[in-house]
Amino acid sequence: TGKATAYTARSGAKTASGRPAIVGNVAVDCTKIPFGSKLYIVSSDGSFIYGYAVAADTGAGLDPRNTRYSNVLVDLFFSTYQESIYFGAKTVHVYVLQ
């Protein structure tokens, strides 16, 4: 359980693991959740379900040395900037399935 934020990328972008930047491929601290891990993500109050995802990306916001974002557990990919802004930040449960 932890904080989720949201991001988007230009069409055709790749993640740090080489997968396409698409909905379902999310950013994590890969020292805590290894790339390729299969996840299920839902808000702690059940009001939002991101659903099944794969740990495929990382970024400055998930770097434990970046104290501004050090409490972020997962950064969820959305297709548009508007969707990512609408999501904002929420407390989520991240279930590691595999």
N, C-alpha and C. Protein backbone atom coordinates (compact mmCIF):
# COMPACT_ATOMS: atom_id res chain seq x y z
N THR A 1 0.85 -1.18 0.00
CA THR A 1 0.00 0.00 0.00
C THR A 1 0.89 1.23 0.00
N GLY A 2 0.55 2.20 -0.84
CA GLY A 2 1.34 3.41 -0.91
C GLY A 2 0.73 4.40 -1.88
N LYS A 3 1.47 5.45 -2.16
CA LYS A 3 1.01 6.52 -3.01
C LYS A 3 1.24 6.19 -4.48
N ALA A 4 0.22 6.47 -5.30
CA ALA A 4 0.33 6.35 -6.75
C ALA A 4 0.19 7.73 -7.37
N THR A 5 1.03 8.01 -8.34
CA THR A 5 0.92 9.22 -9.14
C THR A 5 0.67 8.78 -10.58
N ALA A 6 0.58 9.73 -11.49
CA ALA A 6 0.23 9.41 -12.87
C ALA A 6 1.15 10.15 -13.84
N TYR A 7 1.36 9.53 -15.00
CA TYR A 7 2.15 10.17 -16.05
C TYR A 7 1.67 9.72 -17.41
N THR A 8 2.17 10.38 -18.44
CA THR A 8 1.91 10.02 -19.82
C THR A 8 3.20 10.27 -20.60
N ALA A 9 3.22 9.85 -21.85
CA ALA A 9 4.41 10.03 -22.69
C ALA A 9 3.95 10.19 -24.14
N ARG A 10 4.85 10.63 -24.97
CA ARG A 10 4.53 10.81 -26.38
C ARG A 10 4.25 9.45 -27.02
N SER A 11 3.51 9.46 -28.08
CA SER A 11 3.18 8.24 -28.82
C SER A 11 4.47 7.56 -29.32
N GLY A 12 4.56 6.27 -29.12
CA GLY A 12 5.73 5.52 -29.57
C GLY A 12 6.87 5.46 -28.55
N ALA A 13 6.71 6.12 -27.41
CA ALA A 13 7.76 6.12 -26.39
C ALA A 13 7.95 4.72 -25.82
N LYS A 14 9.14 4.46 -25.34
CA LYS A 14 9.48 3.18 -24.70
C LYS A 14 9.74 3.42 -23.22
N THR A 15 9.52 2.38 -22.43
CA THR A 15 9.81 2.44 -21.00
C THR A 15 11.27 2.09 -20.76
N ALA A 16 11.70 2.21 -19.52
CA ALA A 16 13.08 1.89 -19.15
C ALA A 16 13.42 0.42 -19.41
N SER A 17 12.41 -0.43 -19.40
CA SER A 17 12.65 -1.86 -19.63
C SER A 17 12.54 -2.22 -21.11
N GLY A 18 12.23 -1.24 -21.96
CA GLY A 18 12.12 -1.48 -23.39
C GLY A 18 10.71 -1.77 -23.88
N ARG A 19 9.77 -1.90 -22.97
CA ARG A 19 8.38 -2.13 -23.36
C ARG A 19 7.78 -0.81 -23.86
N PRO A 20 6.71 -0.89 -24.63
CA PRO A 20 6.07 0.36 -25.07
C PRO A 20 5.42 1.08 -23.89
N ALA A 21 5.43 2.40 -23.95
CA ALA A 21 4.76 3.20 -22.92
C ALA A 21 3.28 3.22 -23.26
N ILE A 22 2.54 2.29 -22.66
CA ILE A 22 1.10 2.15 -22.90
C ILE A 22 0.41 1.88 -21.56
N VAL A 23 -0.91 2.07 -21.56
CA VAL A 23 -1.68 1.77 -20.36
C VAL A 23 -1.44 0.31 -19.97
N GLY A 24 -1.17 0.10 -18.70
CA GLY A 24 -0.88 -1.25 -18.20
C GLY A 24 0.59 -1.46 -17.90
N ASN A 25 1.45 -0.63 -18.48
CA ASN A 25 2.87 -0.67 -18.15
C ASN A 25 3.13 0.52 -17.23
N VAL A 26 3.52 0.23 -15.99
CA VAL A 26 3.65 1.27 -14.98
C VAL A 26 5.08 1.41 -14.51
N ALA A 27 5.37 2.55 -13.89
CA ALA A 27 6.70 2.83 -13.36
C ALA A 27 6.76 2.47 -11.87
N VAL A 28 7.88 1.88 -11.48
CA VAL A 28 8.09 1.46 -10.10
C VAL A 28 9.54 1.73 -9.71
N ASP A 29 9.83 1.62 -8.44
CA ASP A 29 11.22 1.58 -7.97
C ASP A 29 11.65 0.14 -8.18
N CYS A 30 12.48 -0.10 -9.20
CA CYS A 30 12.82 -1.48 -9.56
C CYS A 30 13.71 -2.18 -8.52
N THR A 31 14.15 -1.46 -7.50
CA THR A 31 14.85 -2.14 -6.40
C THR A 31 13.85 -2.77 -5.44
N LYS A 32 12.58 -2.32 -5.51
CA LYS A 32 11.53 -2.86 -4.66
C LYS A 32 10.61 -3.81 -5.41
N ILE A 33 10.28 -3.44 -6.64
CA ILE A 33 9.42 -4.27 -7.50
C ILE A 33 10.16 -4.46 -8.81
N PRO A 34 10.66 -5.65 -9.08
CA PRO A 34 11.47 -5.87 -10.29
C PRO A 34 10.67 -5.69 -11.58
N PHE A 35 11.36 -5.21 -12.63
CA PHE A 35 10.75 -5.12 -13.95
C PHE A 35 10.18 -6.48 -14.34
N GLY A 36 9.04 -6.44 -14.99
CA GLY A 36 8.38 -7.67 -15.43
C GLY A 36 7.39 -8.22 -14.42
N SER A 37 7.40 -7.70 -13.19
CA SER A 37 6.45 -8.17 -12.18
C SER A 37 5.03 -7.86 -12.64
N LYS A 38 4.15 -8.83 -12.46
CA LYS A 38 2.74 -8.63 -12.79
C LYS A 38 2.03 -8.13 -11.55
N LEU A 39 1.23 -7.08 -11.74
CA LEU A 39 0.62 -6.37 -10.62
C LEU A 39 -0.89 -6.22 -10.82
N TYR A 40 -1.58 -5.99 -9.73
CA TYR A 40 -2.98 -5.58 -9.76
C TYR A 40 -3.08 -4.37 -8.85
N ILE A 41 -3.66 -3.27 -9.36
CA ILE A 41 -3.64 -1.99 -8.65
C ILE A 41 -5.06 -1.45 -8.49
N VAL A 42 -5.40 -1.12 -7.24
CA VAL A 42 -6.72 -0.57 -6.92
C VAL A 42 -6.55 0.46 -5.80
N SER A 43 -7.36 1.53 -5.84
CA SER A 43 -7.27 2.53 -4.78
C SER A 43 -7.67 1.90 -3.45
N SER A 44 -7.13 2.43 -2.39
CA SER A 44 -7.37 1.84 -1.07
C SER A 44 -8.84 1.90 -0.67
N ASP A 45 -9.59 2.87 -1.21
CA ASP A 45 -11.01 2.96 -0.88
C ASP A 45 -11.89 2.23 -1.90
N GLY A 46 -11.27 1.62 -2.92
CA GLY A 46 -12.01 0.87 -3.92
C GLY A 46 -12.69 1.70 -4.99
N SER A 47 -12.52 3.02 -4.95
CA SER A 47 -13.21 3.89 -5.91
C SER A 47 -12.57 3.92 -7.29
N PHE A 48 -11.32 3.48 -7.39
CA PHE A 48 -10.60 3.49 -8.66
C PHE A 48 -9.88 2.17 -8.84
N ILE A 49 -10.05 1.57 -9.99
CA ILE A 49 -9.35 0.33 -10.30
C ILE A 49 -8.50 0.55 -11.55
N TYR A 50 -7.18 0.53 -11.39
CA TYR A 50 -6.29 0.57 -12.56
C TYR A 50 -6.27 -0.81 -13.18
N GLY A 51 -6.29 -1.82 -12.34
CA GLY A 51 -6.36 -3.20 -12.83
C GLY A 51 -5.00 -3.84 -12.97
N TYR A 52 -4.91 -4.77 -13.93
CA TYR A 52 -3.68 -5.51 -14.14
C TYR A 52 -2.64 -4.62 -14.80
N ALA A 53 -1.41 -4.79 -14.38
CA ALA A 53 -0.32 -3.98 -14.90
C ALA A 53 0.98 -4.77 -14.86
N VAL A 54 1.98 -4.23 -15.52
CA VAL A 54 3.32 -4.81 -15.51
C VAL A 54 4.30 -3.72 -15.09
N ALA A 55 5.21 -4.06 -14.20
CA ALA A 55 6.28 -3.14 -13.78
C ALA A 55 7.25 -3.02 -14.95
N ALA A 56 7.23 -1.86 -15.63
CA ALA A 56 7.99 -1.74 -16.87
C ALA A 56 8.84 -0.48 -16.96
N ASP A 57 8.66 0.44 -16.04
CA ASP A 57 9.34 1.73 -16.18
C ASP A 57 9.79 2.20 -14.81
N THR A 58 10.62 3.21 -14.83
CA THR A 58 11.07 3.87 -13.61
C THR A 58 11.28 5.33 -13.95
N GLY A 59 11.61 6.12 -13.00
CA GLY A 59 11.83 7.53 -13.29
C GLY A 59 12.29 8.27 -12.05
N ALA A 60 12.59 9.54 -12.25
CA ALA A 60 13.12 10.37 -11.16
C ALA A 60 12.16 10.41 -9.97
N GLY A 61 10.86 10.36 -10.25
CA GLY A 61 9.87 10.42 -9.18
C GLY A 61 9.87 9.19 -8.28
N LEU A 62 10.48 8.11 -8.75
CA LEU A 62 10.52 6.88 -7.97
C LEU A 62 11.90 6.59 -7.40
N ASP A 63 12.83 7.48 -7.64
CA ASP A 63 14.19 7.32 -7.12
C ASP A 63 14.18 7.68 -5.63
N PRO A 64 14.58 6.73 -4.77
CA PRO A 64 14.55 7.00 -3.33
C PRO A 64 15.42 8.19 -2.92
N ARG A 65 16.37 8.59 -3.77
CA ARG A 65 17.21 9.75 -3.46
C ARG A 65 16.49 11.06 -3.72
N ASN A 66 15.37 11.01 -4.46
CA ASN A 66 14.58 12.19 -4.77
C ASN A 66 13.57 12.38 -3.65
N THR A 67 13.90 13.16 -2.66
CA THR A 67 13.06 13.28 -1.46
C THR A 67 11.70 13.90 -1.74
N ARG A 68 11.57 14.63 -2.83
CA ARG A 68 10.27 15.24 -3.16
C ARG A 68 9.22 14.16 -3.44
N TYR A 69 9.65 13.03 -4.00
CA TYR A 69 8.72 11.97 -4.38
C TYR A 69 9.02 10.65 -3.69
N SER A 70 9.80 10.65 -2.65
CA SER A 70 10.28 9.41 -2.06
C SER A 70 9.18 8.51 -1.52
N ASN A 71 8.00 9.04 -1.35
CA ASN A 71 6.91 8.21 -0.82
C ASN A 71 6.01 7.64 -1.92
N VAL A 72 6.41 7.78 -3.20
CA VAL A 72 5.62 7.25 -4.31
C VAL A 72 5.96 5.78 -4.51
N LEU A 73 4.94 4.93 -4.51
CA LEU A 73 5.11 3.49 -4.71
C LEU A 73 5.05 3.12 -6.19
N VAL A 74 4.14 3.76 -6.92
CA VAL A 74 3.93 3.41 -8.33
C VAL A 74 3.47 4.64 -9.10
N ASP A 75 3.92 4.75 -10.34
CA ASP A 75 3.52 5.83 -11.23
C ASP A 75 2.73 5.18 -12.37
N LEU A 76 1.45 5.49 -12.46
CA LEU A 76 0.56 4.82 -13.40
C LEU A 76 0.56 5.53 -14.75
N PHE A 77 0.69 4.77 -15.82
CA PHE A 77 0.68 5.35 -17.17
C PHE A 77 -0.76 5.54 -17.63
N PHE A 78 -1.03 6.72 -18.19
CA PHE A 78 -2.32 7.02 -18.80
C PHE A 78 -2.09 7.50 -20.23
N SER A 79 -3.08 7.30 -21.08
CA SER A 79 -2.96 7.63 -22.50
C SER A 79 -2.84 9.12 -22.77
N THR A 80 -3.47 9.94 -21.94
CA THR A 80 -3.46 11.38 -22.17
C THR A 80 -3.04 12.14 -20.92
N TYR A 81 -2.57 13.34 -21.15
CA TYR A 81 -2.20 14.23 -20.06
C TYR A 81 -3.42 14.53 -19.18
N GLN A 82 -4.58 14.73 -19.83
CA GLN A 82 -5.80 15.04 -19.08
C GLN A 82 -6.16 13.91 -18.12
N GLU A 83 -6.03 12.66 -18.57
CA GLU A 83 -6.32 11.52 -17.70
C GLU A 83 -5.37 11.48 -16.52
N SER A 84 -4.09 11.76 -16.78
CA SER A 84 -3.11 11.72 -15.69
C SER A 84 -3.36 12.82 -14.68
N ILE A 85 -3.76 14.00 -15.16
CA ILE A 85 -4.08 15.10 -14.25
C ILE A 85 -5.33 14.77 -13.44
N TYR A 86 -6.33 14.20 -14.10
CA TYR A 86 -7.57 13.83 -13.42
C TYR A 86 -7.31 12.82 -12.30
N PHE A 87 -6.41 11.86 -12.58
CA PHE A 87 -6.08 10.86 -11.56
C PHE A 87 -5.37 11.54 -10.38
N GLY A 88 -4.43 12.40 -10.67
CA GLY A 88 -3.68 13.09 -9.61
C GLY A 88 -2.81 12.14 -8.83
N ALA A 89 -3.11 11.98 -7.56
CA ALA A 89 -2.37 11.06 -6.68
C ALA A 89 -3.39 10.42 -5.74
N LYS A 90 -3.22 9.15 -5.54
CA LYS A 90 -4.13 8.41 -4.67
C LYS A 90 -3.34 7.37 -3.88
N THR A 91 -3.89 6.97 -2.76
CA THR A 91 -3.35 5.83 -2.03
C THR A 91 -3.90 4.57 -2.68
N VAL A 92 -3.01 3.64 -3.00
CA VAL A 92 -3.42 2.41 -3.69
C VAL A 92 -2.86 1.19 -2.99
N HIS A 93 -3.51 0.07 -3.27
CA HIS A 93 -2.97 -1.24 -2.92
C HIS A 93 -2.37 -1.80 -4.20
N VAL A 94 -1.12 -2.23 -4.13
CA VAL A 94 -0.46 -2.86 -5.28
C VAL A 94 -0.23 -4.31 -4.89
N TYR A 95 -0.91 -5.20 -5.59
CA TYR A 95 -0.75 -6.63 -5.35
C TYR A 95 0.25 -7.17 -6.38
N VAL A 96 1.33 -7.76 -5.89
CA VAL A 96 2.31 -8.36 -6.79
C VAL A 96 1.84 -9.80 -7.04
N LEU A 97 1.47 -10.09 -8.27
CA LEU A 97 0.90 -11.38 -8.62
C LEU A 97 1.97 -12.39 -9.03
N GLN A 98 3.02 -11.88 -9.65
CA GLN A 98 4.10 -12.77 -10.12
C GLN A 98 5.36 -11.99 -10.34
